[in-house]
Amino acid sequence: MQFIDRAEIEVEAGKGGDGIVAFRREKYVPAGGPSGGNGGRGGSVIFVAEENLQTLLDFRYNHLFKAENGGRGGPNNRTGANGKDLIIEVPCGTVIYDAETGALLGDLIKAGEELRIAEGGKGGLGNQHFLSNRNRAPEYALPGLEGERKLLRLELKLLAEVGIIGLPNAGKSTLISSLSAARPKIADYPFTTLIPNLGVVRKPTGDGTVFADIPGLIEGAAEGAGLGHDFLRHIERTRVLLHLIDATSDDVIRDYNTIQQELQAYGRGLKERSQIIALNKIDAVARETVDLEALATQLNHLSYAPVFIISAVTRTGIEPMLQEIWRILDELNANEQVEVLG
């Protein structure tokens, strides 16, 4: 399945049905009055969040979505049928913008959430509505109104509690495959990961927490360099950032600062998000030449965040790191409950 996280589409609600001109033609009613019915309302366009969808692929080749028109009014004061609403299913986490103005129209996060994006046109009035003392036989009716048309921009922001970030080849894909059942492509060269990967990591309580492996960021990612700019938005919803750093790098501090600067440049509160730092690939480090503990202390002083020394391949140091992630998530949950109750 292709991972498509952006799309532009046009939606059009249904046109209202026309009212009609009709008169009663009954055998024993010599002066039958107007009996033209109203047109039915046009169908609306409604977006619904669906938890089984993971991509906007359905919108890559189909760009126009149109609801059903309302039915024409009938004789004997019969109202035309209403047009069927068009239900468009999108993945949870889809943000909908007006493509022409940039205005945010809705953010569908939870499964089953609905957003009525375009209203169907009202049906036209039949000539029965224009009967008066002065006009006993009106010979006109109103046409139905056009439905709303909108050009939309859809953006998918993955729903994950923990976002794994870092430079290319930091070992993010290896880590998520070690923690979960996710099986991303892994190779010994940068930019192996071209799309975000999701994996569910089980807590000791049995609850599942979604981790997202975000494609590697590079310097200038926030301005569009490399792959990062396309995927930075996927960590906007995360609650904890796990910053993975390659311990075999010739300058670990530089690598740390590069990612932090990109988070700062991108904005949207990412730099202030709860973070955990992990020095990865210690299985490939020559301990006699690299003082990992000293590096960890230096990173801790820079970030004021907990720092763990791990190997995603051998799972060394993984459990203490996970325990800290669970602790932070529990603390965030408790604070949110206090805010709701307060």
Foldseek 3Di string as FASTA:
>chain_A
DDAAFKAKAKEWWAWWAWWAWDWDDDDPPPQTFTFTAWWAWTAFEKEFAAAVDRHPVVRPPHHYHYWYYTHHTDGRHRYTHYTHHHYHYDHAQKWKAQPVPRHTQDHGHDGGDMGGDKTTWHTKGYCVVVDDPVPRYDHDIGHTGTIDMTIMMMGGADAFQEEEAFAFPLCLQLQLVLQFVDHQDDDRDGQSDLQKDWGWGADPVRDTGIYIYFHGDFQCVLVPPDRNVVHVSNCLNYQEYEYGFALPDPDRPVRVVRVLVSLVSNDSCSNVHHYEYEHEDVVVDDCVVDPVVVVQVVVCVVNVHHYFYAYSVVGPRVVVVVVVVVVVVVVVVVVVVVVVVD
